[in-house]
Amino acid sequence: MECNRNAAASLEQLLESLIKMVGKSNQTVAQLQQRISQLEWMVLEQGDAQNSHLQFISYPAAKRKKL
């Protein structure tokens, strides 16, 4: 019976650690996506002739025309 309690406590700790890791990973991904969007926006706002052919995933051609 004691073994089951220890196993349950260990699994609970493991699950808690995994949830924290996933949360931190998701936060990092969100920050990177935000930074990429900012950089893409800056490049598109420059409006250089040499950049006019660029397309980004977050700003497809149809959406870019609205900006």
Protein backbone atom coordinates (compact mmCIF):
# COMPACT_ATOMS: atom_id res chain seq x y z
CA MET A 1 0.00 0.00 0.00
CA GLU A 2 2.86 2.38 0.84
CA CYS A 3 4.39 1.64 -2.56
CA ASN A 4 1.19 2.78 -4.30
CA ARG A 5 1.20 6.05 -2.36
CA ASN A 6 4.83 6.71 -3.25
CA ALA A 7 4.17 5.92 -6.90
CA ALA A 8 1.13 8.20 -6.94
CA ALA A 9 3.10 11.03 -5.32
CA SER A 10 5.94 10.57 -7.82
CA LEU A 11 3.56 10.60 -10.75
CA GLU A 12 1.88 13.73 -9.41
CA GLN A 13 5.24 15.49 -9.10
CA LEU A 14 6.24 14.37 -12.59
CA LEU A 15 2.97 15.61 -14.06
CA GLU A 16 3.34 18.95 -12.28
CA SER A 17 6.88 19.35 -13.64
CA LEU A 18 5.77 18.51 -17.17
CA ILE A 19 2.92 21.03 -17.00
CA LYS A 20 5.34 23.75 -15.88
CA MET A 21 7.79 22.87 -18.68
CA VAL A 22 5.07 22.97 -21.34
CA GLY A 23 3.83 26.29 -20.00
CA LYS A 24 7.30 27.83 -20.18
CA SER A 25 7.81 26.41 -23.66
CA ASN A 26 4.50 27.85 -24.86
CA GLN A 27 5.41 31.24 -23.40
CA THR A 28 8.75 31.20 -25.22
CA VAL A 29 7.09 30.27 -28.50
CA ALA A 30 4.55 33.06 -28.10
CA GLN A 31 7.33 35.58 -27.45
CA LEU A 32 9.24 34.39 -30.52
CA GLN A 33 6.13 34.60 -32.69
CA GLN A 34 5.50 38.14 -31.49
CA ARG A 35 9.09 39.17 -32.22
CA ILE A 36 8.96 37.59 -35.70
CA SER A 37 5.74 39.46 -36.45
CA GLN A 38 7.35 42.71 -35.32
CA LEU A 39 10.38 42.13 -37.55
CA GLU A 40 8.21 41.20 -40.54
CA TRP A 41 6.10 44.32 -40.01
CA MET A 42 9.23 46.48 -39.87
CA VAL A 43 10.53 45.02 -43.13
CA LEU A 44 7.18 45.52 -44.86
CA GLU A 45 6.84 49.07 -43.53
CA GLN A 46 10.18 50.05 -45.04
CA GLY A 47 8.49 49.69 -48.42
CA ASP A 48 11.74 49.41 -50.35
CA ALA A 49 11.43 48.35 -53.98
CA GLN A 50 13.72 45.42 -53.27
CA ASN A 51 11.43 44.23 -50.45
CA SER A 52 8.19 44.52 -52.44
CA HIS A 53 8.45 40.92 -53.61
CA LEU A 54 8.72 39.53 -50.06
CA GLN A 55 5.88 37.54 -48.58
CA PHE A 56 5.71 36.36 -45.00
CA ILE A 57 3.56 33.66 -43.49
CA SER A 58 1.99 36.10 -41.04
CA TYR A 59 1.37 38.69 -43.76
CA PRO A 60 0.14 37.01 -46.95
CA ALA A 61 -0.20 39.20 -50.04
CA ALA A 62 -3.97 39.74 -49.61
CA LYS A 63 -3.60 40.80 -46.01
CA ARG A 64 -0.58 42.96 -46.77
CA LYS A 65 -2.59 45.16 -49.13
CA LYS A 66 -4.97 46.01 -46.26
CA LEU A 67 -2.11 47.25 -44.10
